[in-house]
Amino acid sequence: MRKILVAVFILSLGLNAGSFRVTGTVISDNQKMIGARYMGYVKRIYFEIGDKVKREDTLFELESAEFDIMKNQADLALEQAEIMVDMYRTRMDSIKRNKARLGRNGSSSKFDLEDMDVMADNVSAGLAASQALVKSAAEKVKQMATIADYLEVFAPNDGIIVQKNIRVGDLIVPGMLTMVLVDLDHLEIEAQVAESDLLKVQARQMVDIEIPSLNHKMRGTIKSVVPSANPMAHTFAIRIKFKKDHEMIFPGMFAKIDIEFRDPPKPY
């Protein structure tokens, strides 16, 4: 009798179990919108749509007449400040030698020595001011070197170029979208679940995935249920993570997802 009751209980659970299918799209979990941080004209482009890139690869270079002028001005200011420092140091050395010679000359007057002290103070003040100018000019040159790095745009990670909006000679402004870089190693599937099926979906739930174009099947896990409904279709987005075990799985591919569920027990 006990075995019969257990069998009936298991059968009742099976009757409450089921599955439903949703469709989704393969997306990249690491898509980068590439822009420029400085204004300039595109000088050279190293990659085209479909090319694979590695992290720190130079995607394109800019040239800027404004930057060239600013860099030349910064270099000239530093050079002039260094010349002034050398001039004041030479004058200070000369004053020290003259003062030492007057000190050894017993016939030198006290006023001559005082004049030398005043000249030394003036030259010392000029030297200090020139050294401050050198420091300021050096900082400006360093800033220009940083801006020079901005004129070369590098890939932030490995991936493939899926969009390119620039050509050689185009004027780029900060914030302008130039390229889109997609990471092919970190893929997920985004699908829409009807509001009526929302209670059947839970995070960390295992699902069956099929990529029809590749005739490929695999298992995945529901990563999250996005708590924001589409007010027109009354659907909720879910994100499914999976292990990429087929090299031809790319963003944009159509996917079918079978989600198993078990109906909650009905109240008596």
C-alpha atoms as a PDB file:
ATOM      1  CA  MET A   1       0.000   0.000   0.000  1.00  0.00           C
ATOM      2  CA  ARG A   2       2.851   2.353   0.875  1.00  0.00           C
ATOM      3  CA  LYS A   3       4.524   1.790  -2.494  1.00  0.00           C
ATOM      4  CA  ILE A   4       1.279   2.586  -4.267  1.00  0.00           C
ATOM      5  CA  LEU A   5       0.958   5.884  -2.408  1.00  0.00           C
ATOM      6  CA  VAL A   6       4.537   6.856  -3.300  1.00  0.00           C
ATOM      7  CA  ALA A   7       3.915   6.026  -6.961  1.00  0.00           C
ATOM      8  CA  VAL A   8       0.741   8.106  -6.990  1.00  0.00           C
ATOM      9  CA  PHE A   9       2.580  11.044  -5.368  1.00  0.00           C
ATOM     10  CA  ILE A  10       5.383  10.904  -7.961  1.00  0.00           C
ATOM     11  CA  LEU A  11       2.830  10.687 -10.767  1.00  0.00           C
ATOM     12  CA  SER A  12       1.014  13.742  -9.417  1.00  0.00           C
ATOM     13  CA  LEU A  13       4.282  15.685  -9.376  1.00  0.00           C
ATOM     14  CA  GLY A  14       4.890  14.695 -12.982  1.00  0.00           C
ATOM     15  CA  LEU A  15       1.501  15.969 -13.981  1.00  0.00           C
ATOM     16  CA  ASN A  16       2.343  19.343 -12.492  1.00  0.00           C
ATOM     17  CA  ALA A  17       5.649  19.537 -14.387  1.00  0.00           C
ATOM     18  CA  GLY A  18       6.039  20.992 -17.855  1.00  0.00           C
ATOM     19  CA  SER A  19       8.119  23.224 -20.083  1.00  0.00           C
ATOM     20  CA  PHE A  20       7.680  26.150 -22.406  1.00  0.00           C
ATOM     21  CA  ARG A  21       9.795  27.616 -25.164  1.00  0.00           C
ATOM     22  CA  VAL A  22      10.964  31.180 -25.724  1.00  0.00           C
ATOM     23  CA  THR A  23      13.176  32.632 -28.402  1.00  0.00           C
ATOM     24  CA  GLY A  24      16.160  34.869 -27.884  1.00  0.00           C
ATOM     25  CA  THR A  25      19.250  36.416 -29.417  1.00  0.00           C
ATOM     26  CA  VAL A  26      22.915  35.824 -28.712  1.00  0.00           C
ATOM     27  CA  ILE A  27      24.529  39.007 -27.415  1.00  0.00           C
ATOM     28  CA  SER A  28      27.952  39.983 -26.146  1.00  0.00           C
ATOM     29  CA  ASP A  29      28.310  40.732 -22.472  1.00  0.00           C
ATOM     30  CA  ASN A  30      31.291  42.945 -23.251  1.00  0.00           C
ATOM     31  CA  GLN A  31      30.558  45.382 -26.071  1.00  0.00           C
ATOM     32  CA  LYS A  32      32.601  48.570 -26.251  1.00  0.00           C
ATOM     33  CA  MET A  33      31.648  51.812 -27.939  1.00  0.00           C
ATOM     34  CA  ILE A  34      34.942  53.354 -29.087  1.00  0.00           C
ATOM     35  CA  GLY A  35      35.226  57.140 -29.146  1.00  0.00           C
ATOM     36  CA  ALA A  36      37.974  59.739 -29.164  1.00  0.00           C
ATOM     37  CA  ARG A  37      39.041  61.953 -26.260  1.00  0.00           C
ATOM     38  CA  TYR A  38      40.501  64.703 -28.434  1.00  0.00           C
ATOM     39  CA  MET A  39      39.433  66.528 -31.561  1.00  0.00           C
ATOM     40  CA  GLY A  40      41.354  65.924 -34.744  1.00  0.00           C
ATOM     41  CA  TYR A  41      41.338  64.494 -38.246  1.00  0.00           C
ATOM     42  CA  VAL A  42      41.664  60.760 -38.858  1.00  0.00           C
ATOM     43  CA  LYS A  43      45.187  60.173 -40.050  1.00  0.00           C
ATOM     44  CA  ARG A  44      45.343  56.391 -40.308  1.00  0.00           C
ATOM     45  CA  ILE A  45      42.958  53.450 -39.681  1.00  0.00           C
ATOM     46  CA  TYR A  46      44.465  50.056 -38.889  1.00  0.00           C
ATOM     47  CA  PHE A  47      41.382  47.799 -38.730  1.00  0.00           C
ATOM     48  CA  GLU A  48      38.184  47.312 -40.702  1.00  0.00           C
ATOM     49  CA  ILE A  49      34.827  45.686 -39.965  1.00  0.00           C
ATOM     50  CA  GLY A  50      35.272  41.981 -39.235  1.00  0.00           C
ATOM     51  CA  ASP A  51      38.912  42.267 -38.153  1.00  0.00           C
ATOM     52  CA  LYS A  52      39.938  40.701 -34.861  1.00  0.00           C
ATOM     53  CA  VAL A  53      41.973  42.886 -32.527  1.00  0.00           C
ATOM     54  CA  LYS A  54      43.981  42.345 -29.376  1.00  0.00           C
ATOM     55  CA  ARG A  55      43.998  44.510 -26.283  1.00  0.00           C
ATOM     56  CA  GLU A  56      46.178  47.631 -26.715  1.00  0.00           C
ATOM     57  CA  ASP A  57      46.211  47.348 -30.516  1.00  0.00           C
ATOM     58  CA  THR A  58      46.115  50.793 -32.139  1.00  0.00           C
ATOM     59  CA  LEU A  59      42.730  51.121 -33.846  1.00  0.00           C
ATOM     60  CA  PHE A  60      43.320  54.493 -35.512  1.00  0.00           C
ATOM     61  CA  GLU A  61      45.382  57.682 -35.252  1.00  0.00           C
ATOM     62  CA  LEU A  62      44.419  61.338 -35.297  1.00  0.00           C
ATOM     63  CA  GLU A  63      46.320  64.406 -36.413  1.00  0.00           C
ATOM     64  CA  SER A  64      45.595  67.890 -35.104  1.00  0.00           C
ATOM     65  CA  ALA A  65      47.092  71.202 -36.215  1.00  0.00           C
ATOM     66  CA  GLU A  66      45.881  72.739 -32.964  1.00  0.00           C
ATOM     67  CA  PHE A  67      47.772  70.112 -30.973  1.00  0.00           C
ATOM     68  CA  ASP A  68      50.939  70.653 -33.019  1.00  0.00           C
ATOM     69  CA  ILE A  69      50.813  74.392 -32.270  1.00  0.00           C
ATOM     70  CA  MET A  70      50.231  73.797 -28.554  1.00  0.00           C
ATOM     71  CA  LYS A  71      53.053  71.240 -28.406  1.00  0.00           C
ATOM     72  CA  ASN A  72      55.498  73.576 -30.153  1.00  0.00           C
ATOM     73  CA  GLN A  73      54.537  76.403 -27.801  1.00  0.00           C
ATOM     74  CA  ALA A  74      55.058  74.169 -24.749  1.00  0.00           C
ATOM     75  CA  ASP A  75      58.454  72.965 -26.003  1.00  0.00           C
ATOM     76  CA  LEU A  76      59.547  76.542 -26.772  1.00  0.00           C
ATOM     77  CA  ALA A  77      58.429  77.792 -23.348  1.00  0.00           C
ATOM     78  CA  LEU A  78      60.417  75.038 -21.624  1.00  0.00           C
ATOM     79  CA  GLU A  79      63.490  75.756 -23.722  1.00  0.00           C
ATOM     80  CA  GLN A  80      63.336  79.501 -22.953  1.00  0.00           C
ATOM     81  CA  ALA A  81      62.860  78.869 -19.228  1.00  0.00           C
ATOM     82  CA  GLU A  82      65.870  76.531 -19.157  1.00  0.00           C
ATOM     83  CA  ILE A  83      67.973  79.176 -20.953  1.00  0.00           C
ATOM     84  CA  MET A  84      66.969  81.746 -18.312  1.00  0.00           C
ATOM     85  CA  VAL A  85      67.972  79.357 -15.530  1.00  0.00           C
ATOM     86  CA  ASP A  86      71.376  78.797 -17.121  1.00  0.00           C
ATOM     87  CA  MET A  87      71.826  82.571 -17.544  1.00  0.00           C
ATOM     88  CA  TYR A  88      71.016  83.327 -13.884  1.00  0.00           C
ATOM     89  CA  ARG A  89      73.276  80.526 -12.698  1.00  0.00           C
ATOM     90  CA  THR A  90      76.136  81.896 -14.798  1.00  0.00           C
ATOM     91  CA  ARG A  91      75.583  85.391 -13.363  1.00  0.00           C
ATOM     92  CA  MET A  92      75.429  83.982  -9.829  1.00  0.00           C
ATOM     93  CA  ASP A  93      78.736  82.161 -10.340  1.00  0.00           C
ATOM     94  CA  SER A  94      80.273  85.365 -11.695  1.00  0.00           C
ATOM     95  CA  ILE A  95      79.044  87.378  -8.683  1.00  0.00           C
ATOM     96  CA  LYS A  96      80.459  84.793  -6.293  1.00  0.00           C
ATOM     97  CA  ARG A  97      83.874  84.942  -7.999  1.00  0.00           C
ATOM     98  CA  ASN A  98      83.884  88.756  -7.990  1.00  0.00           C
ATOM     99  CA  LYS A  99      82.830  88.840  -4.350  1.00  0.00           C
ATOM    100  CA  ALA A 100      85.572  86.415  -3.421  1.00  0.00           C
ATOM    101  CA  ARG A 101      88.134  88.518  -5.291  1.00  0.00           C
ATOM    102  CA  LEU A 102      86.956  91.708  -3.556  1.00  0.00           C
ATOM    103  CA  GLY A 103      87.199  89.940  -0.235  1.00  0.00           C
ATOM    104  CA  ARG A 104      90.803  89.048  -0.887  1.00  0.00           C
ATOM    105  CA  ASN A 105      91.543  92.636  -1.944  1.00  0.00           C
ATOM    106  CA  GLY A 106      92.088  94.587   1.228  1.00  0.00           C
ATOM    107  CA  SER A 107      91.472  97.894  -0.526  1.00  0.00           C
ATOM    108  CA  SER A 108      87.872  97.018  -1.433  1.00  0.00           C
ATOM    109  CA  SER A 109      85.295  99.216   0.215  1.00  0.00           C
ATOM    110  CA  LYS A 110      82.405  98.027   2.309  1.00  0.00           C
ATOM    111  CA  PHE A 111      79.993  99.564  -0.205  1.00  0.00           C
ATOM    112  CA  ASP A 112      81.383  97.439  -3.020  1.00  0.00           C
ATOM    113  CA  LEU A 113      80.722  94.272  -1.031  1.00  0.00           C
ATOM    114  CA  GLU A 114      77.208  95.453  -0.169  1.00  0.00           C
ATOM    115  CA  ASP A 115      76.510  96.122  -3.862  1.00  0.00           C
ATOM    116  CA  MET A 116      77.639  92.605  -4.656  1.00  0.00           C
ATOM    117  CA  ASP A 117      75.264  91.220  -1.983  1.00  0.00           C
ATOM    118  CA  VAL A 118      72.349  93.166  -3.464  1.00  0.00           C
ATOM    119  CA  MET A 119      73.194  91.894  -6.948  1.00  0.00           C
ATOM    120  CA  ALA A 120      73.431  88.331  -5.590  1.00  0.00           C
ATOM    121  CA  ASP A 121      70.003  88.649  -3.958  1.00  0.00           C
ATOM    122  CA  ASN A 122      68.459  89.944  -7.188  1.00  0.00           C
ATOM    123  CA  VAL A 123      70.041  87.212  -9.264  1.00  0.00           C
ATOM    124  CA  SER A 124      68.975  84.587  -6.710  1.00  0.00           C
ATOM    125  CA  ALA A 125      65.374  85.803  -6.923  1.00  0.00           C
ATOM    126  CA  GLY A 126      65.531  85.698 -10.727  1.00  0.00           C
ATOM    127  CA  LEU A 127      66.966  82.180 -10.592  1.00  0.00           C
ATOM    128  CA  ALA A 128      64.152  81.005  -8.326  1.00  0.00           C
ATOM    129  CA  ALA A 129      61.535  82.535 -10.636  1.00  0.00           C
ATOM    130  CA  SER A 130      63.164  80.921 -13.670  1.00  0.00           C
ATOM    131  CA  GLN A 131      63.233  77.526 -11.958  1.00  0.00           C
ATOM    132  CA  ALA A 132      59.501  77.911 -11.227  1.00  0.00           C
ATOM    133  CA  LEU A 133      58.926  78.668 -14.912  1.00  0.00           C
ATOM    134  CA  VAL A 134      60.883  75.546 -15.859  1.00  0.00           C
ATOM    135  CA  LYS A 135      58.707  73.436 -13.554  1.00  0.00           C
ATOM    136  CA  SER A 136      55.510  74.922 -14.983  1.00  0.00           C
ATOM    137  CA  ALA A 137      56.691  74.496 -18.572  1.00  0.00           C
ATOM    138  CA  ALA A 138      57.730  70.904 -17.893  1.00  0.00           C
ATOM    139  CA  GLU A 139      54.216  70.154 -16.590  1.00  0.00           C
ATOM    140  CA  LYS A 140      52.784  71.654 -19.763  1.00  0.00           C
ATOM    141  CA  VAL A 141      55.046  69.474 -21.886  1.00  0.00           C
ATOM    142  CA  LYS A 142      53.914  66.453 -19.870  1.00  0.00           C
ATOM    143  CA  GLN A 143      50.292  67.383 -20.537  1.00  0.00           C
ATOM    144  CA  MET A 144      51.051  67.584 -24.240  1.00  0.00           C
ATOM    145  CA  ALA A 145      52.550  64.093 -24.061  1.00  0.00           C
ATOM    146  CA  THR A 146      49.318  62.860 -22.464  1.00  0.00           C
ATOM    147  CA  ILE A 147      47.263  64.491 -25.209  1.00  0.00           C
ATOM    148  CA  ALA A 148      49.570  62.855 -27.762  1.00  0.00           C
ATOM    149  CA  ASP A 149      48.485  59.498 -26.328  1.00  0.00           C
ATOM    150  CA  TYR A 150      44.866  60.523 -26.943  1.00  0.00           C
ATOM    151  CA  LEU A 151      45.659  60.953 -30.630  1.00  0.00           C
ATOM    152  CA  GLU A 152      46.188  57.179 -30.794  1.00  0.00           C
ATOM    153  CA  VAL A 153      43.063  55.194 -29.926  1.00  0.00           C
ATOM    154  CA  PHE A 154      43.727  51.706 -28.550  1.00  0.00           C
ATOM    155  CA  ALA A 155      41.536  48.615 -28.210  1.00  0.00           C
ATOM    156  CA  PRO A 156      40.388  48.210 -24.566  1.00  0.00           C
ATOM    157  CA  ASN A 157      40.112  44.414 -24.895  1.00  0.00           C
ATOM    158  CA  ASP A 158      40.270  41.535 -27.350  1.00  0.00           C
ATOM    159  CA  GLY A 159      37.378  41.340 -29.778  1.00  0.00           C
ATOM    160  CA  ILE A 160      36.128  41.922 -33.277  1.00  0.00           C
ATOM    161  CA  ILE A 161      35.205  45.187 -35.001  1.00  0.00           C
ATOM    162  CA  VAL A 162      31.491  45.051 -35.898  1.00  0.00           C
ATOM    163  CA  GLN A 163      30.930  48.716 -36.733  1.00  0.00           C
ATOM    164  CA  LYS A 164      33.152  51.463 -38.157  1.00  0.00           C
ATOM    165  CA  ASN A 165      31.869  54.996 -38.644  1.00  0.00           C
ATOM    166  CA  ILE A 166      35.058  56.776 -39.732  1.00  0.00           C
ATOM    167  CA  ARG A 167      37.251  57.195 -42.776  1.00  0.00           C
ATOM    168  CA  VAL A 168      40.651  58.777 -43.267  1.00  0.00           C
ATOM    169  CA  GLY A 169      40.282  62.552 -43.294  1.00  0.00           C
ATOM    170  CA  ASP A 170      37.120  62.652 -41.157  1.00  0.00           C
ATOM    171  CA  LEU A 171      36.982  65.182 -38.335  1.00  0.00           C
ATOM    172  CA  ILE A 172      36.535  63.495 -34.948  1.00  0.00           C
ATOM    173  CA  VAL A 173      35.162  65.285 -31.911  1.00  0.00           C
ATOM    174  CA  PRO A 174      35.197  64.022 -28.305  1.00  0.00           C
ATOM    175  CA  GLY A 175      32.333  61.642 -27.580  1.00  0.00           C
ATOM    176  CA  MET A 176      31.743  60.737 -31.221  1.00  0.00           C
ATOM    177  CA  LEU A 177      31.125  57.016 -31.851  1.00  0.00           C
ATOM    178  CA  THR A 178      33.882  55.760 -34.138  1.00  0.00           C
ATOM    179  CA  MET A 179      33.883  51.975 -33.764  1.00  0.00           C
ATOM    180  CA  VAL A 180      32.058  49.196 -31.942  1.00  0.00           C
ATOM    181  CA  LEU A 181      34.167  46.384 -30.509  1.00  0.00           C
ATOM    182  CA  VAL A 182      32.518  43.111 -29.480  1.00  0.00           C
ATOM    183  CA  ASP A 183      34.072  40.500 -27.228  1.00  0.00           C
ATOM    184  CA  LEU A 184      33.326  37.061 -28.706  1.00  0.00           C
ATOM    185  CA  ASP A 185      34.464  35.098 -25.650  1.00  0.00           C
ATOM    186  CA  HIS A 186      31.819  36.414 -23.229  1.00  0.00           C
ATOM    187  CA  LEU A 187      28.440  35.735 -24.803  1.00  0.00           C
ATOM    188  CA  GLU A 188      24.964  35.506 -23.346  1.00  0.00           C
ATOM    189  CA  ILE A 189      21.435  35.061 -24.637  1.00  0.00           C
ATOM    190  CA  GLU A 190      18.699  37.614 -24.108  1.00  0.00           C
ATOM    191  CA  ALA A 191      15.106  36.404 -24.359  1.00  0.00           C
ATOM    192  CA  GLN A 192      11.634  37.696 -23.595  1.00  0.00           C
ATOM    193  CA  VAL A 193       9.289  35.888 -21.226  1.00  0.00           C
ATOM    194  CA  ALA A 194       5.571  36.584 -21.166  1.00  0.00           C
ATOM    195  CA  GLU A 195       4.214  38.077 -17.971  1.00  0.00           C
ATOM    196  CA  SER A 196       1.971  35.032 -17.518  1.00  0.00           C
ATOM    197  CA  ASP A 197       5.073  32.773 -17.457  1.00  0.00           C
ATOM    198  CA  LEU A 198       7.143  34.937 -15.158  1.00  0.00           C
ATOM    199  CA  LEU A 199       6.439  32.785 -12.066  1.00  0.00           C
ATOM    200  CA  LYS A 200       7.908  29.797 -13.920  1.00  0.00           C
ATOM    201  CA  VAL A 201      11.310  31.454 -14.304  1.00  0.00           C
ATOM    202  CA  GLN A 202      13.950  31.763 -11.590  1.00  0.00           C
ATOM    203  CA  ALA A 203      17.556  32.867 -11.468  1.00  0.00           C
ATOM    204  CA  ARG A 204      20.162  30.052 -11.571  1.00  0.00           C
ATOM    205  CA  GLN A 205      17.608  27.797 -13.274  1.00  0.00           C
ATOM    206  CA  MET A 206      19.048  25.401 -15.888  1.00  0.00           C
ATOM    207  CA  VAL A 207      17.638  25.612 -19.428  1.00  0.00           C
ATOM    208  CA  ASP A 208      18.111  23.859 -22.764  1.00  0.00           C
ATOM    209  CA  ILE A 209      19.456  26.008 -25.609  1.00  0.00           C
ATOM    210  CA  GLU A 210      19.391  25.363 -29.329  1.00  0.00           C
ATOM    211  CA  ILE A 211      21.101  27.392 -32.059  1.00  0.00           C
ATOM    212  CA  PRO A 212      19.129  26.256 -35.152  1.00  0.00           C
ATOM    213  CA  SER A 213      21.519  27.725 -37.722  1.00  0.00           C
ATOM    214  CA  LEU A 214      24.345  25.607 -36.307  1.00  0.00           C
ATOM    215  CA  ASN A 215      22.178  22.611 -35.363  1.00  0.00           C
ATOM    216  CA  HIS A 216      23.857  22.945 -31.989  1.00  0.00           C
ATOM    217  CA  LYS A 217      22.390  22.232 -28.554  1.00  0.00           C
ATOM    218  CA  MET A 218      23.772  23.038 -25.109  1.00  0.00           C
ATOM    219  CA  ARG A 219      22.789  23.810 -21.548  1.00  0.00           C
ATOM    220  CA  GLY A 220      22.683  27.217 -19.933  1.00  0.00           C
ATOM    221  CA  THR A 221      21.707  28.987 -16.730  1.00  0.00           C
ATOM    222  CA  ILE A 222      19.337  31.880 -16.256  1.00  0.00           C
ATOM    223  CA  LYS A 223      21.594  34.662 -15.043  1.00  0.00           C
ATOM    224  CA  SER A 224      18.941  37.215 -14.193  1.00  0.00           C
ATOM    225  CA  VAL A 225      15.373  38.289 -14.721  1.00  0.00           C
ATOM    226  CA  VAL A 226      15.287  41.974 -15.577  1.00  0.00           C
ATOM    227  CA  PRO A 227      12.583  43.587 -13.399  1.00  0.00           C
ATOM    228  CA  SER A 228      11.380  45.917 -16.125  1.00  0.00           C
ATOM    229  CA  ALA A 229       8.487  44.948 -18.349  1.00  0.00           C
ATOM    230  CA  ASN A 230       7.848  45.902 -21.944  1.00  0.00           C
ATOM    231  CA  PRO A 231       4.546  47.791 -21.530  1.00  0.00           C
ATOM    232  CA  MET A 232       3.479  47.088 -25.111  1.00  0.00           C
ATOM    233  CA  ALA A 233       4.094  43.330 -25.213  1.00  0.00           C
ATOM    234  CA  HIS A 234       3.887  42.667 -21.455  1.00  0.00           C
ATOM    235  CA  THR A 235       7.099  40.661 -21.496  1.00  0.00           C
ATOM    236  CA  PHE A 236      10.151  40.555 -19.257  1.00  0.00           C
ATOM    237  CA  ALA A 237      13.757  40.147 -20.396  1.00  0.00           C
ATOM    238  CA  ILE A 238      15.900  37.322 -19.086  1.00  0.00           C
ATOM    239  CA  ARG A 239      19.653  36.891 -19.516  1.00  0.00           C
ATOM    240  CA  ILE A 240      21.050  33.385 -19.958  1.00  0.00           C
ATOM    241  CA  LYS A 241      24.722  32.568 -19.622  1.00  0.00           C
ATOM    242  CA  PHE A 242      26.335  29.578 -21.272  1.00  0.00           C
ATOM    243  CA  LYS A 243      29.710  28.113 -22.029  1.00  0.00           C
ATOM    244  CA  LYS A 244      30.744  28.839 -25.599  1.00  0.00           C
ATOM    245  CA  ASP A 245      31.549  25.351 -26.873  1.00  0.00           C
ATOM    246  CA  HIS A 246      31.210  26.144 -30.593  1.00  0.00           C
ATOM    247  CA  GLU A 247      33.552  28.586 -32.306  1.00  0.00           C
ATOM    248  CA  MET A 248      30.848  29.710 -34.764  1.00  0.00           C
ATOM    249  CA  ILE A 249      28.497  31.142 -32.130  1.00  0.00           C
ATOM    250  CA  PHE A 250      28.343  34.882 -32.756  1.00  0.00           C
ATOM    251  CA  PRO A 251      26.294  37.802 -31.440  1.00  0.00           C
ATOM    252  CA  GLY A 252      23.014  38.260 -33.267  1.00  0.00           C
ATOM    253  CA  MET A 253      22.284  34.555 -33.758  1.00  0.00           C
ATOM    254  CA  PHE A 254      18.770  33.251 -33.176  1.00  0.00           C
ATOM    255  CA  ALA A 255      18.305  30.878 -30.242  1.00  0.00           C
ATOM    256  CA  LYS A 256      15.529  28.701 -28.839  1.00  0.00           C
ATOM    257  CA  ILE A 257      15.308  28.176 -25.102  1.00  0.00           C
ATOM    258  CA  ASP A 258      13.292  25.422 -23.415  1.00  0.00           C
ATOM    259  CA  ILE A 259      12.508  26.209 -19.792  1.00  0.00           C
ATOM    260  CA  GLU A 260      11.260  23.426 -17.544  1.00  0.00           C
ATOM    261  CA  PHE A 261       8.970  24.333 -14.686  1.00  0.00           C
ATOM    262  CA  ARG A 262       6.845  22.790 -12.020  1.00  0.00           C
ATOM    263  CA  ASP A 263       3.468  24.244 -11.192  1.00  0.00           C
ATOM    264  CA  PRO A 264       3.057  25.254  -7.557  1.00  0.00           C
ATOM    265  CA  PRO A 265       0.649  23.050  -5.616  1.00  0.00           C
ATOM    266  CA  LYS A 266      -2.937  24.229  -5.797  1.00  0.00           C
ATOM    267  CA  PRO A 267      -4.602  25.181  -2.520  1.00  0.00           C
ATOM    268  CA  TYR A 268      -7.323  22.888  -1.295  1.00  0.00           C
END
